[in-house]
Amino acid sequence: MRDAAKYVVLNEHTLCYRIDGGHPSHLGILNGSVLRGGHSPLKGWVYTFATDVIRPATRADFETFRVYLSERFKKYVKE
C-alpha cells in the first residue's frame, strides 16, 4: 500500500476513502470535481493504477470537494 491514509485525493480530482483490510487499489469515492474530470460518487468504487497520484487528504480538500467532515473523523485527516 502506497499510503495508509484513510482519506486520500486521487489525481487531484477525486476525494476518496480507504477501508482497513480492503484491497489497496480500491478506493471509495466521496466526491469528484466535474471540472477536473473527477469520478462520480454514484460509481461506488474506483480502481487505481501505478500511474495514479494519491496523496493524503487535508481538511481543505473536504471544503474544496464540498464534503462534510464529522468531528469524529477529523483525527484521520491532516491539517
PDB file of N, CA and C in Angstrom:
ATOM      1  N   MET A   1       0.845  -1.165   0.000  1.00  0.00           N
ATOM      2  CA  MET A   1       0.000   0.000   0.000  1.00  0.00           C
ATOM      3  C   MET A   1       0.897   1.237   0.000  1.00  0.00           C
ATOM      4  N   ARG A   2       0.612   2.170  -0.895  1.00  0.00           N
ATOM      5  CA  ARG A   2       1.454   3.347  -1.018  1.00  0.00           C
ATOM      6  C   ARG A   2       1.300   4.296   0.154  1.00  0.00           C
ATOM      7  N   ASP A   3       0.142   4.379   0.744  1.00  0.00           N
ATOM      8  CA  ASP A   3      -0.115   5.311   1.826  1.00  0.00           C
ATOM      9  C   ASP A   3      -1.222   4.735   2.692  1.00  0.00           C
ATOM     10  N   ALA A   4      -1.070   4.843   3.993  1.00  0.00           N
ATOM     11  CA  ALA A   4      -2.054   4.259   4.893  1.00  0.00           C
ATOM     12  C   ALA A   4      -3.158   5.247   5.277  1.00  0.00           C
ATOM     13  N   ALA A   5      -3.216   6.404   4.657  1.00  0.00           N
ATOM     14  CA  ALA A   5      -4.230   7.402   4.994  1.00  0.00           C
ATOM     15  C   ALA A   5      -5.624   6.849   4.744  1.00  0.00           C
ATOM     16  N   LYS A   6      -6.560   7.201   5.601  1.00  0.00           N
ATOM     17  CA  LYS A   6      -7.943   6.744   5.432  1.00  0.00           C
ATOM     18  C   LYS A   6      -8.661   7.556   4.365  1.00  0.00           C
ATOM     19  N   TYR A   7      -8.316   8.836   4.235  1.00  0.00           N
ATOM     20  CA  TYR A   7      -8.907   9.706   3.224  1.00  0.00           C
ATOM     21  C   TYR A   7      -7.797  10.207   2.320  1.00  0.00           C
ATOM     22  N   VAL A   8      -8.011  10.085   1.021  1.00  0.00           N
ATOM     23  CA  VAL A   8      -6.982  10.458   0.062  1.00  0.00           C
ATOM     24  C   VAL A   8      -7.598  11.231  -1.105  1.00  0.00           C
ATOM     25  N   VAL A   9      -6.729  11.941  -1.823  1.00  0.00           N
ATOM     26  CA  VAL A   9      -7.132  12.626  -3.046  1.00  0.00           C
ATOM     27  C   VAL A   9      -6.468  11.893  -4.203  1.00  0.00           C
ATOM     28  N   LEU A  10      -7.270  11.496  -5.161  1.00  0.00           N
ATOM     29  CA  LEU A  10      -6.803  10.752  -6.327  1.00  0.00           C
ATOM     30  C   LEU A  10      -6.631  11.706  -7.499  1.00  0.00           C
ATOM     31  N   ASN A  11      -5.429  11.807  -8.001  1.00  0.00           N
ATOM     32  CA  ASN A  11      -5.104  12.610  -9.190  1.00  0.00           C
ATOM     33  C   ASN A  11      -5.635  14.039  -9.120  1.00  0.00           C
ATOM     34  N   GLU A  12      -5.726  14.582  -7.919  1.00  0.00           N
ATOM     35  CA  GLU A  12      -6.184  15.963  -7.685  1.00  0.00           C
ATOM     36  C   GLU A  12      -7.597  16.234  -8.181  1.00  0.00           C
ATOM     37  N   HIS A  13      -8.383  15.175  -8.475  1.00  0.00           N
ATOM     38  CA  HIS A  13      -9.737  15.419  -8.946  1.00  0.00           C
ATOM     39  C   HIS A  13     -10.822  14.651  -8.194  1.00  0.00           C
ATOM     40  N   THR A  14     -10.451  13.725  -7.295  1.00  0.00           N
ATOM     41  CA  THR A  14     -11.459  12.931  -6.597  1.00  0.00           C
ATOM     42  C   THR A  14     -11.045  12.716  -5.143  1.00  0.00           C
ATOM     43  N   LEU A  15     -11.968  13.027  -4.227  1.00  0.00           N
ATOM     44  CA  LEU A  15     -11.751  12.767  -2.805  1.00  0.00           C
ATOM     45  C   LEU A  15     -12.268  11.359  -2.517  1.00  0.00           C
ATOM     46  N   CYS A  16     -11.404  10.514  -1.936  1.00  0.00           N
ATOM     47  CA  CYS A  16     -11.726   9.097  -1.748  1.00  0.00           C
ATOM     48  C   CYS A  16     -11.440   8.657  -0.318  1.00  0.00           C
ATOM     49  N   TYR A  17     -11.876   7.431  -0.007  1.00  0.00           N
ATOM     50  CA  TYR A  17     -11.578   6.822   1.285  1.00  0.00           C
ATOM     51  C   TYR A  17     -11.114   5.399   1.072  1.00  0.00           C
ATOM     52  N   ARG A  18     -10.371   4.909   2.081  1.00  0.00           N
ATOM     53  CA  ARG A  18      -9.911   3.520   2.085  1.00  0.00           C
ATOM     54  C   ARG A  18     -10.542   2.803   3.267  1.00  0.00           C
ATOM     55  N   ILE A  19     -10.777   1.529   3.118  1.00  0.00           N
ATOM     56  CA  ILE A  19     -11.276   0.711   4.220  1.00  0.00           C
ATOM     57  C   ILE A  19     -10.143  -0.189   4.695  1.00  0.00           C
ATOM     58  N   ASP A  20      -9.912  -0.200   6.022  1.00  0.00           N
ATOM     59  CA  ASP A  20      -8.867  -1.056   6.581  1.00  0.00           C
ATOM     60  C   ASP A  20      -9.091  -2.499   6.187  1.00  0.00           C
ATOM     61  N   GLY A  21      -8.042  -3.157   5.745  1.00  0.00           N
ATOM     62  CA  GLY A  21      -8.130  -4.556   5.359  1.00  0.00           C
ATOM     63  C   GLY A  21      -8.635  -4.761   3.942  1.00  0.00           C
ATOM     64  N   GLY A  22      -9.034  -3.683   3.273  1.00  0.00           N
ATOM     65  CA  GLY A  22      -9.507  -3.785   1.902  1.00  0.00           C
ATOM     66  C   GLY A  22      -8.350  -3.864   0.924  1.00  0.00           C
ATOM     67  N   HIS A  23      -8.661  -4.098  -0.310  1.00  0.00           N
ATOM     68  CA  HIS A  23      -7.632  -4.161  -1.350  1.00  0.00           C
ATOM     69  C   HIS A  23      -7.036  -2.773  -1.542  1.00  0.00           C
ATOM     70  N   PRO A  24      -5.711  -2.632  -1.564  1.00  0.00           N
ATOM     71  CA  PRO A  24      -5.083  -1.311  -1.646  1.00  0.00           C
ATOM     72  C   PRO A  24      -5.377  -0.540  -2.938  1.00  0.00           C
ATOM     73  N   SER A  25      -5.800  -1.212  -3.998  1.00  0.00           N
ATOM     74  CA  SER A  25      -6.062  -0.495  -5.242  1.00  0.00           C
ATOM     75  C   SER A  25      -7.526  -0.099  -5.396  1.00  0.00           C
ATOM     76  N   HIS A  26      -8.365  -0.374  -4.385  1.00  0.00           N
ATOM     77  CA  HIS A  26      -9.787   0.002  -4.429  1.00  0.00           C
ATOM     78  C   HIS A  26     -10.014   1.191  -3.515  1.00  0.00           C
ATOM     79  N   LEU A  27     -10.608   2.248  -4.052  1.00  0.00           N
ATOM     80  CA  LEU A  27     -10.931   3.427  -3.262  1.00  0.00           C
ATOM     81  C   LEU A  27     -12.417   3.727  -3.394  1.00  0.00           C
ATOM     82  N   GLY A  28     -13.045   4.055  -2.288  1.00  0.00           N
ATOM     83  CA  GLY A  28     -14.426   4.510  -2.319  1.00  0.00           C
ATOM     84  C   GLY A  28     -14.453   5.996  -2.644  1.00  0.00           C
ATOM     85  N   ILE A  29     -15.430   6.430  -3.393  1.00  0.00           N
ATOM     86  CA  ILE A  29     -15.499   7.817  -3.836  1.00  0.00           C
ATOM     87  C   ILE A  29     -16.415   8.615  -2.917  1.00  0.00           C
ATOM     88  N   LEU A  30     -15.894   9.721  -2.382  1.00  0.00           N
ATOM     89  CA  LEU A  30     -16.723  10.640  -1.611  1.00  0.00           C
ATOM     90  C   LEU A  30     -17.295  11.726  -2.521  1.00  0.00           C
ATOM     91  N   ASN A  31     -16.450  12.301  -3.372  1.00  0.00           N
ATOM     92  CA  ASN A  31     -16.907  13.289  -4.352  1.00  0.00           C
ATOM     93  C   ASN A  31     -15.779  13.571  -5.335  1.00  0.00           C
ATOM     94  N   GLY A  32     -16.151  13.928  -6.534  1.00  0.00           N
ATOM     95  CA  GLY A  32     -15.174  14.259  -7.561  1.00  0.00           C
ATOM     96  C   GLY A  32     -15.489  15.604  -8.186  1.00  0.00           C
ATOM     97  N   SER A  33     -14.470  16.265  -8.679  1.00  0.00           N
ATOM     98  CA  SER A  33     -14.631  17.554  -9.341  1.00  0.00           C
ATOM     99  C   SER A  33     -14.973  17.330 -10.810  1.00  0.00           C
ATOM    100  N   VAL A  34     -16.132  17.792 -11.209  1.00  0.00           N
ATOM    101  CA  VAL A  34     -16.547  17.655 -12.610  1.00  0.00           C
ATOM    102  C   VAL A  34     -15.601  18.444 -13.514  1.00  0.00           C
ATOM    103  N   LEU A  35     -15.198  19.615 -13.052  1.00  0.00           N
ATOM    104  CA  LEU A  35     -14.320  20.467 -13.868  1.00  0.00           C
ATOM    105  C   LEU A  35     -12.940  19.855 -14.080  1.00  0.00           C
ATOM    106  N   ARG A  36     -12.488  19.043 -13.142  1.00  0.00           N
ATOM    107  CA  ARG A  36     -11.165  18.418 -13.238  1.00  0.00           C
ATOM    108  C   ARG A  36     -11.211  16.997 -13.775  1.00  0.00           C
ATOM    109  N   GLY A  37     -12.400  16.503 -14.104  1.00  0.00           N
ATOM    110  CA  GLY A  37     -12.532  15.142 -14.633  1.00  0.00           C
ATOM    111  C   GLY A  37     -12.609  14.080 -13.568  1.00  0.00           C
ATOM    112  N   GLY A  38     -13.106  14.438 -12.392  1.00  0.00           N
ATOM    113  CA  GLY A  38     -13.193  13.508 -11.268  1.00  0.00           C
ATOM    114  C   GLY A  38     -14.286  12.465 -11.442  1.00  0.00           C
ATOM    115  N   HIS A  39     -14.237  11.464 -10.571  1.00  0.00           N
ATOM    116  CA  HIS A  39     -15.199  10.362 -10.598  1.00  0.00           C
ATOM    117  C   HIS A  39     -16.454  10.726  -9.815  1.00  0.00           C
ATOM    118  N   SER A  40     -17.583  10.163 -10.193  1.00  0.00           N
ATOM    119  CA  SER A  40     -18.855  10.395  -9.523  1.00  0.00           C
ATOM    120  C   SER A  40     -19.002   9.460  -8.330  1.00  0.00           C
ATOM    121  N   PRO A  41     -19.542   9.959  -7.204  1.00  0.00           N
ATOM    122  CA  PRO A  41     -19.772   9.073  -6.070  1.00  0.00           C
ATOM    123  C   PRO A  41     -20.822   7.996  -6.375  1.00  0.00           C
ATOM    124  N   LEU A  42     -21.612   8.189  -7.393  1.00  0.00           N
ATOM    125  CA  LEU A  42     -22.595   7.177  -7.784  1.00  0.00           C
ATOM    126  C   LEU A  42     -21.929   5.931  -8.368  1.00  0.00           C
ATOM    127  N   LYS A  43     -20.681   6.072  -8.790  1.00  0.00           N
ATOM    128  CA  LYS A  43     -19.930   4.955  -9.355  1.00  0.00           C
ATOM    129  C   LYS A  43     -19.569   3.921  -8.283  1.00  0.00           C
ATOM    130  N   GLY A  44     -19.427   4.376  -7.054  1.00  0.00           N
ATOM    131  CA  GLY A  44     -19.116   3.468  -5.953  1.00  0.00           C
ATOM    132  C   GLY A  44     -17.629   3.357  -5.685  1.00  0.00           C
ATOM    133  N   TRP A  45     -16.946   2.524  -6.423  1.00  0.00           N
ATOM    134  CA  TRP A  45     -15.511   2.295  -6.240  1.00  0.00           C
ATOM    135  C   TRP A  45     -14.747   2.726  -7.469  1.00  0.00           C
ATOM    136  N   VAL A  46     -13.490   3.055  -7.264  1.00  0.00           N
ATOM    137  CA  VAL A  46     -12.584   3.329  -8.367  1.00  0.00           C
ATOM    138  C   VAL A  46     -11.336   2.474  -8.130  1.00  0.00           C
ATOM    139  N   TYR A  47     -10.786   1.954  -9.178  1.00  0.00           N
ATOM    140  CA  TYR A  47      -9.574   1.143  -9.101  1.00  0.00           C
ATOM    141  C   TYR A  47      -8.393   2.008  -9.495  1.00  0.00           C
ATOM    142  N   THR A  48      -7.332   1.929  -8.730  1.00  0.00           N
ATOM    143  CA  THR A  48      -6.153   2.747  -9.014  1.00  0.00           C
ATOM    144  C   THR A  48      -5.104   1.937  -9.774  1.00  0.00           C
ATOM    145  N   PHE A  49      -4.245   2.673 -10.429  1.00  0.00           N
ATOM    146  CA  PHE A  49      -3.156   2.083 -11.206  1.00  0.00           C
ATOM    147  C   PHE A  49      -1.839   2.675 -10.737  1.00  0.00           C
ATOM    148  N   ALA A  50      -0.743   2.090 -11.141  1.00  0.00           N
ATOM    149  CA  ALA A  50       0.583   2.548 -10.717  1.00  0.00           C
ATOM    150  C   ALA A  50       0.863   3.994 -11.148  1.00  0.00           C
ATOM    151  N   THR A  51       0.218   4.446 -12.192  1.00  0.00           N
ATOM    152  CA  THR A  51       0.456   5.806 -12.683  1.00  0.00           C
ATOM    153  C   THR A  51      -0.382   6.861 -11.956  1.00  0.00           C
ATOM    154  N   ASP A  52      -1.342   6.441 -11.139  1.00  0.00           N
ATOM    155  CA  ASP A  52      -2.180   7.397 -10.408  1.00  0.00           C
ATOM    156  C   ASP A  52      -1.394   8.060  -9.287  1.00  0.00           C
ATOM    157  N   VAL A  53      -1.711   9.312  -9.034  1.00  0.00           N
ATOM    158  CA  VAL A  53      -1.093  10.064  -7.947  1.00  0.00           C
ATOM    159  C   VAL A  53      -2.097  10.121  -6.799  1.00  0.00           C
ATOM    160  N   ILE A  54      -1.699   9.559  -5.660  1.00  0.00           N
ATOM    161  CA  ILE A  54      -2.561   9.518  -4.477  1.00  0.00           C
ATOM    162  C   ILE A  54      -1.825  10.208  -3.338  1.00  0.00           C
ATOM    163  N   ARG A  55      -2.528  11.145  -2.696  1.00  0.00           N
ATOM    164  CA  ARG A  55      -1.938  11.829  -1.545  1.00  0.00           C
ATOM    165  C   ARG A  55      -2.962  11.872  -0.414  1.00  0.00           C
ATOM    166  N   PRO A  56      -2.486  12.000   0.839  1.00  0.00           N
ATOM    167  CA  PRO A  56      -3.416  12.103   1.965  1.00  0.00           C
ATOM    168  C   PRO A  56      -4.283  13.361   1.827  1.00  0.00           C
ATOM    169  N   ALA A  57      -5.545  13.243   2.198  1.00  0.00           N
ATOM    170  CA  ALA A  57      -6.458  14.384   2.135  1.00  0.00           C
ATOM    171  C   ALA A  57      -6.231  15.306   3.329  1.00  0.00           C
ATOM    172  N   THR A  58      -6.467  16.589   3.118  1.00  0.00           N
ATOM    173  CA  THR A  58      -6.396  17.578   4.186  1.00  0.00           C
ATOM    174  C   THR A  58      -7.802  18.100   4.458  1.00  0.00           C
ATOM    175  N   ARG A  59      -7.945  18.861   5.514  1.00  0.00           N
ATOM    176  CA  ARG A  59      -9.258  19.455   5.808  1.00  0.00           C
ATOM    177  C   ARG A  59      -9.690  20.397   4.692  1.00  0.00           C
ATOM    178  N   ALA A  60      -8.737  21.068   4.081  1.00  0.00           N
ATOM    179  CA  ALA A  60      -9.051  21.969   2.962  1.00  0.00           C
ATOM    180  C   ALA A  60      -9.634  21.201   1.781  1.00  0.00           C
ATOM    181  N   ASP A  61      -9.201  19.970   1.575  1.00  0.00           N
ATOM    182  CA  ASP A  61      -9.749  19.146   0.487  1.00  0.00           C
ATOM    183  C   ASP A  61     -11.232  18.866   0.702  1.00  0.00           C
ATOM    184  N   PHE A  62     -11.628  18.655   1.949  1.00  0.00           N
ATOM    185  CA  PHE A  62     -13.041  18.413   2.231  1.00  0.00           C
ATOM    186  C   PHE A  62     -13.877  19.649   1.883  1.00  0.00           C
ATOM    187  N   GLU A  63     -13.323  20.828   2.098  1.00  0.00           N
ATOM    188  CA  GLU A  63     -14.024  22.052   1.709  1.00  0.00           C
ATOM    189  C   GLU A  63     -14.060  22.192   0.190  1.00  0.00           C
ATOM    190  N   THR A  64     -12.948  21.925  -0.457  1.00  0.00           N
ATOM    191  CA  THR A  64     -12.861  22.035  -1.913  1.00  0.00           C
ATOM    192  C   THR A  64     -13.852  21.101  -2.601  1.00  0.00           C
ATOM    193  N   PHE A  65     -13.948  19.878  -2.116  1.00  0.00           N
ATOM    194  CA  PHE A  65     -14.842  18.886  -2.729  1.00  0.00           C
ATOM    195  C   PHE A  65     -16.248  18.916  -2.129  1.00  0.00           C
ATOM    196  N   ARG A  66     -16.481  19.849  -1.203  1.00  0.00           N
ATOM    197  CA  ARG A  66     -17.796  20.052  -0.579  1.00  0.00           C
ATOM    198  C   ARG A  66     -18.336  18.794   0.089  1.00  0.00           C
ATOM    199  N   VAL A  67     -17.477  18.217   0.924  1.00  0.00           N
ATOM    200  CA  VAL A  67     -17.849  17.037   1.701  1.00  0.00           C
ATOM    201  C   VAL A  67     -17.735  17.396   3.177  1.00  0.00           C
ATOM    202  N   TYR A  68     -18.777  17.107   3.942  1.00  0.00           N
ATOM    203  CA  TYR A  68     -18.778  17.397   5.378  1.00  0.00           C
ATOM    204  C   TYR A  68     -17.846  16.443   6.095  1.00  0.00           C
ATOM    205  N   LEU A  69     -17.003  16.997   6.955  1.00  0.00           N
ATOM    206  CA  LEU A  69     -16.072  16.188   7.750  1.00  0.00           C
ATOM    207  C   LEU A  69     -16.541  16.197   9.194  1.00  0.00           C
ATOM    208  N   SER A  70     -17.097  15.089   9.640  1.00  0.00           N
ATOM    209  CA  SER A  70     -17.601  14.951  11.004  1.00  0.00           C
ATOM    210  C   SER A  70     -16.457  15.070  12.017  1.00  0.00           C
ATOM    211  N   GLU A  71     -16.775  15.563  13.193  1.00  0.00           N
ATOM    212  CA  GLU A  71     -15.777  15.701  14.262  1.00  0.00           C
ATOM    213  C   GLU A  71     -15.089  14.376  14.574  1.00  0.00           C
ATOM    214  N   ARG A  72     -15.823  13.296  14.545  1.00  0.00           N
ATOM    215  CA  ARG A  72     -15.224  12.014  14.923  1.00  0.00           C
ATOM    216  C   ARG A  72     -14.256  11.472  13.875  1.00  0.00           C
ATOM    217  N   PHE A  73     -14.294  12.003  12.656  1.00  0.00           N
ATOM    218  CA  PHE A  73     -13.377  11.544  11.614  1.00  0.00           C
ATOM    219  C   PHE A  73     -12.208  12.502  11.379  1.00  0.00           C
ATOM    220  N   LYS A  74     -12.180  13.642  12.054  1.00  0.00           N
ATOM    221  CA  LYS A  74     -11.103  14.619  11.857  1.00  0.00           C
ATOM    222  C   LYS A  74      -9.746  14.072  12.243  1.00  0.00           C
ATOM    223  N   LYS A  75      -9.709  13.079  13.121  1.00  0.00           N
ATOM    224  CA  LYS A  75      -8.430  12.505  13.533  1.00  0.00           C
ATOM    225  C   LYS A  75      -7.742  11.763  12.390  1.00  0.00           C
ATOM    226  N   TYR A  76      -8.481  11.427  11.343  1.00  0.00           N
ATOM    227  CA  TYR A  76      -7.912  10.706  10.204  1.00  0.00           C
ATOM    228  C   TYR A  76      -7.436  11.625   9.090  1.00  0.00           C
ATOM    229  N   VAL A  77      -7.581  12.939   9.284  1.00  0.00           N
ATOM    230  CA  VAL A  77      -7.262  13.897   8.226  1.00  0.00           C
ATOM    231  C   VAL A  77      -6.161  14.836   8.708  1.00  0.00           C
ATOM    232  N   LYS A  78      -5.195  15.092   7.832  1.00  0.00           N
ATOM    233  CA  LYS A  78      -4.121  16.017   8.161  1.00  0.00           C
ATOM    234  C   LYS A  78      -4.631  17.453   8.098  1.00  0.00           C
ATOM    235  N   GLU A  79      -3.987  18.303   8.853  1.00  0.00           N
ATOM    236  CA  GLU A  79      -4.343  19.721   8.841  1.00  0.00           C
ATOM    237  C   GLU A  79      -3.999  20.245   7.487  1.00  0.00           C
TER     238      GLU A  79
END
